[in-house]
Amino acid sequence: MNVEYYSSLLVQLKDISKEKRRGKLTKVVLFLHDQATAHRALATQKKLAYLGFHCLDHPPYSPDLTPLDYHLFPGLKNQLKGRHFSSDAPLLEALRVV
């Protein structure tokens, strides 16, 4: 994906969201982009500003706290909610049970 193609997708997104969300589209649309070249390019940032979209800063990568993966494991989160583990062994055992 290059910058030109991605910018054209943003325009299409704006048009489609206007059509599908009539009266519900706020003045600001927030994006959480990763660090892909097409997302961080100056031309993309200018297109986002022109369309009225705001880009949230992507948090630094952390292998144990990847924000975009939180939605992938809702059952696991519910099973482990409120539990504390003093070492890896009890945690791994709890994960095997789930």
PDB file of N, CA and C in Angstrom:
ATOM      1  N   MET A   1       0.856  -1.159   0.000  1.00  0.00           N
ATOM      2  CA  MET A   1       0.000   0.000   0.000  1.00  0.00           C
ATOM      3  C   MET A   1       0.906   1.226   0.000  1.00  0.00           C
ATOM      4  N   ASN A   2       0.618   2.158  -0.880  1.00  0.00           N
ATOM      5  CA  ASN A   2       1.408   3.384  -0.894  1.00  0.00           C
ATOM      6  C   ASN A   2       0.565   4.555  -0.406  1.00  0.00           C
ATOM      7  N   VAL A   3       1.183   5.698  -0.275  1.00  0.00           N
ATOM      8  CA  VAL A   3       0.540   6.875   0.305  1.00  0.00           C
ATOM      9  C   VAL A   3      -0.642   7.339  -0.543  1.00  0.00           C
ATOM     10  N   GLU A   4      -0.479   7.351  -1.864  1.00  0.00           N
ATOM     11  CA  GLU A   4      -1.546   7.838  -2.739  1.00  0.00           C
ATOM     12  C   GLU A   4      -2.795   6.958  -2.613  1.00  0.00           C
ATOM     13  N   TYR A   5      -2.592   5.652  -2.640  1.00  0.00           N
ATOM     14  CA  TYR A   5      -3.714   4.733  -2.530  1.00  0.00           C
ATOM     15  C   TYR A   5      -4.391   4.869  -1.169  1.00  0.00           C
ATOM     16  N   TYR A   6      -3.599   4.952  -0.115  1.00  0.00           N
ATOM     17  CA  TYR A   6      -4.161   5.075   1.228  1.00  0.00           C
ATOM     18  C   TYR A   6      -4.936   6.383   1.384  1.00  0.00           C
ATOM     19  N   SER A   7      -4.425   7.456   0.812  1.00  0.00           N
ATOM     20  CA  SER A   7      -5.129   8.736   0.870  1.00  0.00           C
ATOM     21  C   SER A   7      -6.469   8.656   0.149  1.00  0.00           C
ATOM     22  N   SER A   8      -6.503   7.953  -0.977  1.00  0.00           N
ATOM     23  CA  SER A   8      -7.771   7.800  -1.694  1.00  0.00           C
ATOM     24  C   SER A   8      -8.762   6.968  -0.880  1.00  0.00           C
ATOM     25  N   LEU A   9      -8.264   5.994  -0.132  1.00  0.00           N
ATOM     26  CA  LEU A   9      -9.145   5.215   0.744  1.00  0.00           C
ATOM     27  C   LEU A   9      -9.734   6.081   1.855  1.00  0.00           C
ATOM     28  N   LEU A  10      -8.951   7.016   2.356  1.00  0.00           N
ATOM     29  CA  LEU A  10      -9.456   7.912   3.394  1.00  0.00           C
ATOM     30  C   LEU A  10     -10.603   8.773   2.872  1.00  0.00           C
ATOM     31  N   VAL A  11     -10.473   9.244   1.634  1.00  0.00           N
ATOM     32  CA  VAL A  11     -11.544  10.040   1.026  1.00  0.00           C
ATOM     33  C   VAL A  11     -12.792   9.181   0.863  1.00  0.00           C
ATOM     34  N   GLN A  12     -12.619   7.951   0.400  1.00  0.00           N
ATOM     35  CA  GLN A  12     -13.759   7.041   0.258  1.00  0.00           C
ATOM     36  C   GLN A  12     -14.406   6.765   1.610  1.00  0.00           C
ATOM     37  N   LEU A  13     -13.588   6.599   2.634  1.00  0.00           N
ATOM     38  CA  LEU A  13     -14.105   6.361   3.972  1.00  0.00           C
ATOM     39  C   LEU A  13     -14.953   7.534   4.443  1.00  0.00           C
ATOM     40  N   LYS A  14     -14.493   8.730   4.200  1.00  0.00           N
ATOM     41  CA  LYS A  14     -15.240   9.930   4.600  1.00  0.00           C
ATOM     42  C   LYS A  14     -16.591   9.963   3.892  1.00  0.00           C
ATOM     43  N   ASP A  15     -16.597   9.694   2.572  1.00  0.00           N
ATOM     44  CA  ASP A  15     -17.839   9.714   1.805  1.00  0.00           C
ATOM     45  C   ASP A  15     -18.805   8.629   2.272  1.00  0.00           C
ATOM     46  N   ILE A  16     -18.300   7.442   2.483  1.00  0.00           N
ATOM     47  CA  ILE A  16     -19.158   6.329   2.904  1.00  0.00           C
ATOM     48  C   ILE A  16     -19.706   6.572   4.307  1.00  0.00           C
ATOM     49  N   SER A  17     -18.862   7.085   5.204  1.00  0.00           N
ATOM     50  CA  SER A  17     -19.328   7.324   6.575  1.00  0.00           C
ATOM     51  C   SER A  17     -20.376   8.431   6.607  1.00  0.00           C
ATOM     52  N   LYS A  18     -20.256   9.429   5.736  1.00  0.00           N
ATOM     53  CA  LYS A  18     -21.290  10.474   5.652  1.00  0.00           C
ATOM     54  C   LYS A  18     -22.614   9.867   5.228  1.00  0.00           C
ATOM     55  N   GLU A  19     -22.557   8.968   4.256  1.00  0.00           N
ATOM     56  CA  GLU A  19     -23.771   8.360   3.721  1.00  0.00           C
ATOM     57  C   GLU A  19     -24.418   7.408   4.723  1.00  0.00           C
ATOM     58  N   LYS A  20     -23.614   6.583   5.358  1.00  0.00           N
ATOM     59  CA  LYS A  20     -24.162   5.566   6.254  1.00  0.00           C
ATOM     60  C   LYS A  20     -24.510   6.097   7.635  1.00  0.00           C
ATOM     61  N   ARG A  21     -23.872   7.153   8.049  1.00  0.00           N
ATOM     62  CA  ARG A  21     -24.081   7.687   9.406  1.00  0.00           C
ATOM     63  C   ARG A  21     -24.687   9.083   9.356  1.00  0.00           C
ATOM     64  N   ARG A  22     -25.652   9.286   8.488  1.00  0.00           N
ATOM     65  CA  ARG A  22     -26.281  10.607   8.352  1.00  0.00           C
ATOM     66  C   ARG A  22     -26.745  11.129   9.697  1.00  0.00           C
ATOM     67  N   GLY A  23     -26.344  12.335  10.001  1.00  0.00           N
ATOM     68  CA  GLY A  23     -26.741  12.973  11.247  1.00  0.00           C
ATOM     69  C   GLY A  23     -25.997  12.468  12.467  1.00  0.00           C
ATOM     70  N   LYS A  24     -25.223  11.425  12.338  1.00  0.00           N
ATOM     71  CA  LYS A  24     -24.504  10.857  13.479  1.00  0.00           C
ATOM     72  C   LYS A  24     -23.005  11.108  13.415  1.00  0.00           C
ATOM     73  N   LEU A  25     -22.528  11.543  12.265  1.00  0.00           N
ATOM     74  CA  LEU A  25     -21.099  11.776  12.106  1.00  0.00           C
ATOM     75  C   LEU A  25     -20.708  13.057  12.830  1.00  0.00           C
ATOM     76  N   THR A  26     -19.801  12.934  13.753  1.00  0.00           N
ATOM     77  CA  THR A  26     -19.325  14.112  14.464  1.00  0.00           C
ATOM     78  C   THR A  26     -18.337  14.861  13.582  1.00  0.00           C
ATOM     79  N   LYS A  27     -17.923  15.995  14.030  1.00  0.00           N
ATOM     80  CA  LYS A  27     -16.972  16.784  13.259  1.00  0.00           C
ATOM     81  C   LYS A  27     -15.580  16.175  13.266  1.00  0.00           C
ATOM     82  N   VAL A  28     -15.312  15.324  14.229  1.00  0.00           N
ATOM     83  CA  VAL A  28     -13.976  14.752  14.365  1.00  0.00           C
ATOM     84  C   VAL A  28     -14.070  13.229  14.319  1.00  0.00           C
ATOM     85  N   VAL A  29     -13.228  12.620  13.514  1.00  0.00           N
ATOM     86  CA  VAL A  29     -13.083  11.164  13.467  1.00  0.00           C
ATOM     87  C   VAL A  29     -11.685  10.854  13.980  1.00  0.00           C
ATOM     88  N   LEU A  30     -11.576   9.937  14.925  1.00  0.00           N
ATOM     89  CA  LEU A  30     -10.291   9.587  15.515  1.00  0.00           C
ATOM     90  C   LEU A  30      -9.771   8.285  14.908  1.00  0.00           C
ATOM     91  N   PHE A  31      -8.496   8.267  14.583  1.00  0.00           N
ATOM     92  CA  PHE A  31      -7.832   7.090  14.048  1.00  0.00           C
ATOM     93  C   PHE A  31      -6.719   6.672  14.987  1.00  0.00           C
ATOM     94  N   LEU A  32      -6.587   5.369  15.155  1.00  0.00           N
ATOM     95  CA  LEU A  32      -5.427   4.820  15.853  1.00  0.00           C
ATOM     96  C   LEU A  32      -4.656   4.018  14.815  1.00  0.00           C
ATOM     97  N   HIS A  33      -3.633   4.637  14.267  1.00  0.00           N
ATOM     98  CA  HIS A  33      -2.802   4.002  13.248  1.00  0.00           C
ATOM     99  C   HIS A  33      -1.616   3.316  13.887  1.00  0.00           C
ATOM    100  N   ASP A  34      -1.105   2.328  13.179  1.00  0.00           N
ATOM    101  CA  ASP A  34       0.155   1.767  13.608  1.00  0.00           C
ATOM    102  C   ASP A  34       1.288   2.578  12.974  1.00  0.00           C
ATOM    103  N   GLN A  35       2.474   2.052  12.980  1.00  0.00           N
ATOM    104  CA  GLN A  35       3.631   2.804  12.489  1.00  0.00           C
ATOM    105  C   GLN A  35       3.954   2.522  11.025  1.00  0.00           C
ATOM    106  N   ALA A  36       2.987   2.055  10.237  1.00  0.00           N
ATOM    107  CA  ALA A  36       3.218   1.769   8.827  1.00  0.00           C
ATOM    108  C   ALA A  36       3.619   3.047   8.089  1.00  0.00           C
ATOM    109  N   THR A  37       4.444   2.892   7.080  1.00  0.00           N
ATOM    110  CA  THR A  37       4.959   4.038   6.334  1.00  0.00           C
ATOM    111  C   THR A  37       3.838   4.873   5.736  1.00  0.00           C
ATOM    112  N   ALA A  38       2.839   4.210   5.161  1.00  0.00           N
ATOM    113  CA  ALA A  38       1.729   4.944   4.543  1.00  0.00           C
ATOM    114  C   ALA A  38       0.920   5.728   5.579  1.00  0.00           C
ATOM    115  N   HIS A  39       0.864   5.257   6.795  1.00  0.00           N
ATOM    116  CA  HIS A  39       0.115   5.938   7.848  1.00  0.00           C
ATOM    117  C   HIS A  39       0.863   7.150   8.392  1.00  0.00           C
ATOM    118  N   ARG A  40       2.173   7.076   8.427  1.00  0.00           N
ATOM    119  CA  ARG A  40       2.977   8.140   9.040  1.00  0.00           C
ATOM    120  C   ARG A  40       3.465   9.182   8.039  1.00  0.00           C
ATOM    121  N   ALA A  41       3.228   8.968   6.758  1.00  0.00           N
ATOM    122  CA  ALA A  41       3.731   9.878   5.728  1.00  0.00           C
ATOM    123  C   ALA A  41       3.099  11.266   5.867  1.00  0.00           C
ATOM    124  N   LEU A  42       3.856  12.268   5.499  1.00  0.00           N
ATOM    125  CA  LEU A  42       3.393  13.652   5.591  1.00  0.00           C
ATOM    126  C   LEU A  42       2.144  13.873   4.739  1.00  0.00           C
ATOM    127  N   ALA A  43       2.099  13.282   3.542  1.00  0.00           N
ATOM    128  CA  ALA A  43       0.928  13.436   2.669  1.00  0.00           C
ATOM    129  C   ALA A  43      -0.323  12.846   3.328  1.00  0.00           C
ATOM    130  N   THR A  44      -0.169  11.733   4.020  1.00  0.00           N
ATOM    131  CA  THR A  44      -1.306  11.124   4.724  1.00  0.00           C
ATOM    132  C   THR A  44      -1.758  12.008   5.869  1.00  0.00           C
ATOM    133  N   GLN A  45      -0.811  12.551   6.608  1.00  0.00           N
ATOM    134  CA  GLN A  45      -1.166  13.428   7.720  1.00  0.00           C
ATOM    135  C   GLN A  45      -1.904  14.669   7.229  1.00  0.00           C
ATOM    136  N   LYS A  46      -1.466  15.213   6.096  1.00  0.00           N
ATOM    137  CA  LYS A  46      -2.152  16.378   5.517  1.00  0.00           C
ATOM    138  C   LYS A  46      -3.560  16.014   5.067  1.00  0.00           C
ATOM    139  N   LYS A  47      -3.724  14.826   4.467  1.00  0.00           N
ATOM    140  CA  LYS A  47      -5.045  14.382   4.014  1.00  0.00           C
ATOM    141  C   LYS A  47      -5.971  14.171   5.205  1.00  0.00           C
ATOM    142  N   LEU A  48      -5.460  13.595   6.274  1.00  0.00           N
ATOM    143  CA  LEU A  48      -6.262  13.409   7.479  1.00  0.00           C
ATOM    144  C   LEU A  48      -6.745  14.755   8.031  1.00  0.00           C
ATOM    145  N   ALA A  49      -5.849  15.728   8.069  1.00  0.00           N
ATOM    146  CA  ALA A  49      -6.216  17.056   8.568  1.00  0.00           C
ATOM    147  C   ALA A  49      -7.245  17.709   7.647  1.00  0.00           C
ATOM    148  N   TYR A  50      -7.064  17.580   6.342  1.00  0.00           N
ATOM    149  CA  TYR A  50      -7.989  18.164   5.369  1.00  0.00           C
ATOM    150  C   TYR A  50      -9.394  17.568   5.523  1.00  0.00           C
ATOM    151  N   LEU A  51      -9.464  16.267   5.778  1.00  0.00           N
ATOM    152  CA  LEU A  51     -10.756  15.591   5.917  1.00  0.00           C
ATOM    153  C   LEU A  51     -11.377  15.778   7.302  1.00  0.00           C
ATOM    154  N   GLY A  52     -10.625  16.363   8.225  1.00  0.00           N
ATOM    155  CA  GLY A  52     -11.134  16.573   9.579  1.00  0.00           C
ATOM    156  C   GLY A  52     -10.938  15.376  10.484  1.00  0.00           C
ATOM    157  N   PHE A  53     -10.072  14.453  10.093  1.00  0.00           N
ATOM    158  CA  PHE A  53      -9.768  13.287  10.912  1.00  0.00           C
ATOM    159  C   PHE A  53      -8.592  13.625  11.824  1.00  0.00           C
ATOM    160  N   HIS A  54      -8.606  13.070  13.016  1.00  0.00           N
ATOM    161  CA  HIS A  54      -7.494  13.247  13.958  1.00  0.00           C
ATOM    162  C   HIS A  54      -6.866  11.899  14.229  1.00  0.00           C
ATOM    163  N   CYS A  55      -5.561  11.860  14.241  1.00  0.00           N
ATOM    164  CA  CYS A  55      -4.824  10.622  14.444  1.00  0.00           C
ATOM    165  C   CYS A  55      -4.304  10.571  15.881  1.00  0.00           C
ATOM    166  N   LEU A  56      -4.648   9.507  16.582  1.00  0.00           N
ATOM    167  CA  LEU A  56      -4.126   9.299  17.927  1.00  0.00           C
ATOM    168  C   LEU A  56      -2.720   8.739  17.821  1.00  0.00           C
ATOM    169  N   ASP A  57      -1.871   9.124  18.734  1.00  0.00           N
ATOM    170  CA  ASP A  57      -0.515   8.588  18.746  1.00  0.00           C
ATOM    171  C   ASP A  57      -0.565   7.117  19.131  1.00  0.00           C
ATOM    172  N   HIS A  58       0.151   6.317  18.385  1.00  0.00           N
ATOM    173  CA  HIS A  58       0.225   4.894  18.693  1.00  0.00           C
ATOM    174  C   HIS A  58       1.191   4.715  19.848  1.00  0.00           C
ATOM    175  N   PRO A  59       0.783   3.974  20.880  1.00  0.00           N
ATOM    176  CA  PRO A  59       1.686   3.792  22.017  1.00  0.00           C
ATOM    177  C   PRO A  59       2.907   2.982  21.609  1.00  0.00           C
ATOM    178  N   PRO A  60       4.002   3.165  22.306  1.00  0.00           N
ATOM    179  CA  PRO A  60       5.193   2.377  22.003  1.00  0.00           C
ATOM    180  C   PRO A  60       4.895   0.888  22.158  1.00  0.00           C
ATOM    181  N   TYR A  61       5.578   0.086  21.375  1.00  0.00           N
ATOM    182  CA  TYR A  61       5.333  -1.349  21.416  1.00  0.00           C
ATOM    183  C   TYR A  61       5.764  -1.934  22.751  1.00  0.00           C
ATOM    184  N   SER A  62       4.897  -2.754  23.287  1.00  0.00           N
ATOM    185  CA  SER A  62       5.215  -3.490  24.501  1.00  0.00           C
ATOM    186  C   SER A  62       4.706  -4.911  24.308  1.00  0.00           C
ATOM    187  N   PRO A  63       5.569  -5.900  24.340  1.00  0.00           N
ATOM    188  CA  PRO A  63       5.120  -7.263  24.056  1.00  0.00           C
ATOM    189  C   PRO A  63       4.073  -7.791  25.027  1.00  0.00           C
ATOM    190  N   ASP A  64       4.043  -7.263  26.250  1.00  0.00           N
ATOM    191  CA  ASP A  64       3.060  -7.751  27.215  1.00  0.00           C
ATOM    192  C   ASP A  64       1.814  -6.877  27.291  1.00  0.00           C
ATOM    193  N   LEU A  65       1.817  -5.711  26.661  1.00  0.00           N
ATOM    194  CA  LEU A  65       0.662  -4.817  26.687  1.00  0.00           C
ATOM    195  C   LEU A  65       0.390  -4.257  25.287  1.00  0.00           C
ATOM    196  N   THR A  66      -0.007  -5.084  24.373  1.00  0.00           N
ATOM    197  CA  THR A  66      -0.312  -4.621  23.028  1.00  0.00           C
ATOM    198  C   THR A  66      -1.774  -4.199  23.000  1.00  0.00           C
ATOM    199  N   PRO A  67      -2.067  -2.883  22.949  1.00  0.00           N
ATOM    200  CA  PRO A  67      -3.440  -2.406  23.057  1.00  0.00           C
ATOM    201  C   PRO A  67      -4.382  -2.954  21.992  1.00  0.00           C
ATOM    202  N   LEU A  68      -3.889  -3.192  20.793  1.00  0.00           N
ATOM    203  CA  LEU A  68      -4.762  -3.648  19.729  1.00  0.00           C
ATOM    204  C   LEU A  68      -5.160  -5.111  19.890  1.00  0.00           C
ATOM    205  N   ASP A  69      -4.536  -5.840  20.804  1.00  0.00           N
ATOM    206  CA  ASP A  69      -4.869  -7.240  21.014  1.00  0.00           C
ATOM    207  C   ASP A  69      -5.851  -7.451  22.167  1.00  0.00           C
ATOM    208  N   TYR A  70      -6.221  -6.413  22.888  1.00  0.00           N
ATOM    209  CA  TYR A  70      -7.082  -6.581  24.048  1.00  0.00           C
ATOM    210  C   TYR A  70      -8.420  -7.226  23.682  1.00  0.00           C
ATOM    211  N   HIS A  71      -8.958  -6.880  22.539  1.00  0.00           N
ATOM    212  CA  HIS A  71     -10.265  -7.405  22.159  1.00  0.00           C
ATOM    213  C   HIS A  71     -10.220  -8.861  21.724  1.00  0.00           C
ATOM    214  N   LEU A  72      -9.055  -9.418  21.519  1.00  0.00           N
ATOM    215  CA  LEU A  72      -8.941 -10.781  21.027  1.00  0.00           C
ATOM    216  C   LEU A  72      -9.178 -11.836  22.102  1.00  0.00           C
ATOM    217  N   PHE A  73      -9.047 -11.464  23.350  1.00  0.00           N
ATOM    218  CA  PHE A  73      -9.091 -12.445  24.421  1.00  0.00           C
ATOM    219  C   PHE A  73     -10.108 -12.098  25.507  1.00  0.00           C
ATOM    220  N   PRO A  74     -11.359 -11.775  25.164  1.00  0.00           N
ATOM    221  CA  PRO A  74     -12.305 -11.375  26.216  1.00  0.00           C
ATOM    222  C   PRO A  74     -12.608 -12.501  27.204  1.00  0.00           C
ATOM    223  N   GLY A  75     -12.719 -13.753  26.728  1.00  0.00           N
ATOM    224  CA  GLY A  75     -12.985 -14.862  27.644  1.00  0.00           C
ATOM    225  C   GLY A  75     -11.853 -15.068  28.617  1.00  0.00           C
ATOM    226  N   LEU A  76     -10.642 -14.944  28.121  1.00  0.00           N
ATOM    227  CA  LEU A  76      -9.464 -15.099  28.970  1.00  0.00           C
ATOM    228  C   LEU A  76      -9.408 -13.990  30.014  1.00  0.00           C
ATOM    229  N   LYS A  77      -9.702 -12.771  29.592  1.00  0.00           N
ATOM    230  CA  LYS A  77      -9.697 -11.659  30.542  1.00  0.00           C
ATOM    231  C   LYS A  77     -10.737 -11.870  31.637  1.00  0.00           C
ATOM    232  N   ASN A  78     -11.919 -12.355  31.267  1.00  0.00           N
ATOM    233  CA  ASN A  78     -12.972 -12.576  32.267  1.00  0.00           C
ATOM    234  C   ASN A  78     -12.575 -13.650  33.268  1.00  0.00           C
ATOM    235  N   GLN A  79     -11.926 -14.717  32.808  1.00  0.00           N
ATOM    236  CA  GLN A  79     -11.507 -15.795  33.703  1.00  0.00           C
ATOM    237  C   GLN A  79     -10.408 -15.364  34.669  1.00  0.00           C
ATOM    238  N   LEU A  80      -9.545 -14.467  34.230  1.00  0.00           N
ATOM    239  CA  LEU A  80      -8.404 -14.060  35.051  1.00  0.00           C
ATOM    240  C   LEU A  80      -8.642 -12.746  35.799  1.00  0.00           C
ATOM    241  N   LYS A  81      -9.795 -12.144  35.616  1.00  0.00           N
ATOM    242  CA  LYS A  81     -10.092 -10.847  36.227  1.00  0.00           C
ATOM    243  C   LYS A  81      -9.978 -10.913  37.755  1.00  0.00           C
ATOM    244  N   GLY A  82      -9.213 -10.006  38.309  1.00  0.00           N
ATOM    245  CA  GLY A  82      -9.075  -9.897  39.757  1.00  0.00           C
ATOM    246  C   GLY A  82      -8.108 -10.888  40.392  1.00  0.00           C
ATOM    247  N   ARG A  83      -7.539 -11.766  39.620  1.00  0.00           N
ATOM    248  CA  ARG A  83      -6.601 -12.743  40.167  1.00  0.00           C
ATOM    249  C   ARG A  83      -5.179 -12.204  40.064  1.00  0.00           C
ATOM    250  N   HIS A  84      -4.369 -12.515  41.054  1.00  0.00           N
ATOM    251  CA  HIS A  84      -2.976 -12.086  41.071  1.00  0.00           C
ATOM    252  C   HIS A  84      -2.088 -13.325  41.193  1.00  0.00           C
ATOM    253  N   PHE A  85      -0.988 -13.318  40.488  1.00  0.00           N
ATOM    254  CA  PHE A  85      -0.091 -14.464  40.467  1.00  0.00           C
ATOM    255  C   PHE A  85       1.298 -14.018  40.918  1.00  0.00           C
ATOM    256  N   SER A  86       1.888 -14.788  41.825  1.00  0.00           N
ATOM    257  CA  SER A  86       3.201 -14.431  42.360  1.00  0.00           C
ATOM    258  C   SER A  86       4.341 -14.893  41.461  1.00  0.00           C
ATOM    259  N   SER A  87       4.046 -15.837  40.570  1.00  0.00           N
ATOM    260  CA  SER A  87       5.083 -16.324  39.647  1.00  0.00           C
ATOM    261  C   SER A  87       4.412 -16.812  38.367  1.00  0.00           C
ATOM    262  N   ASP A  88       5.225 -17.237  37.415  1.00  0.00           N
ATOM    263  CA  ASP A  88       4.699 -17.682  36.125  1.00  0.00           C
ATOM    264  C   ASP A  88       3.984 -19.032  36.215  1.00  0.00           C
ATOM    265  N   ALA A  89       4.438 -19.905  37.094  1.00  0.00           N
ATOM    266  CA  ALA A  89       3.875 -21.260  37.157  1.00  0.00           C
ATOM    267  C   ALA A  89       2.364 -21.265  37.438  1.00  0.00           C
ATOM    268  N   PRO A  90       1.873 -20.556  38.470  1.00  0.00           N
ATOM    269  CA  PRO A  90       0.421 -20.557  38.700  1.00  0.00           C
ATOM    270  C   PRO A  90      -0.352 -19.882  37.554  1.00  0.00           C
ATOM    271  N   LEU A  91       0.239 -18.892  36.943  1.00  0.00           N
ATOM    272  CA  LEU A  91      -0.402 -18.230  35.811  1.00  0.00           C
ATOM    273  C   LEU A  91      -0.547 -19.196  34.640  1.00  0.00           C
ATOM    274  N   LEU A  92       0.521 -19.907  34.327  1.00  0.00           N
ATOM    275  CA  LEU A  92       0.469 -20.866  33.233  1.00  0.00           C
ATOM    276  C   LEU A  92      -0.548 -21.969  33.510  1.00  0.00           C
ATOM    277  N   GLU A  93      -0.639 -22.415  34.750  1.00  0.00           N
ATOM    278  CA  GLU A  93      -1.634 -23.419  35.107  1.00  0.00           C
ATOM    279  C   GLU A  93      -3.039 -22.878  34.938  1.00  0.00           C
ATOM    280  N   ALA A  94      -3.267 -21.647  35.337  1.00  0.00           N
ATOM    281  CA  ALA A  94      -4.597 -21.034  35.179  1.00  0.00           C
ATOM    282  C   ALA A  94      -4.943 -20.895  33.697  1.00  0.00           C
ATOM    283  N   LEU A  95      -3.959 -20.601  32.878  1.00  0.00           N
ATOM    284  CA  LEU A  95      -4.195 -20.476  31.449  1.00  0.00           C
ATOM    285  C   LEU A  95      -4.538 -21.821  30.810  1.00  0.00           C
ATOM    286  N   ARG A  96      -3.948 -22.887  31.301  1.00  0.00           N
ATOM    287  CA  ARG A  96      -4.252 -24.216  30.773  1.00  0.00           C
ATOM    288  C   ARG A  96      -5.691 -24.623  31.083  1.00  0.00           C
ATOM    289  N   VAL A  97      -6.197 -24.217  32.228  1.00  0.00           N
ATOM    290  CA  VAL A  97      -7.554 -24.560  32.647  1.00  0.00           C
ATOM    291  C   VAL A  97      -8.568 -23.820  31.790  1.00  0.00           C
ATOM    292  N   VAL A  98      -8.260 -22.564  31.469  1.00  0.00           N
ATOM    293  CA  VAL A  98      -9.180 -21.741  30.672  1.00  0.00           C
ATOM    294  C   VAL A  98      -9.215 -22.304  29.295  1.00  0.00           C
TER     295      VAL A  98
END
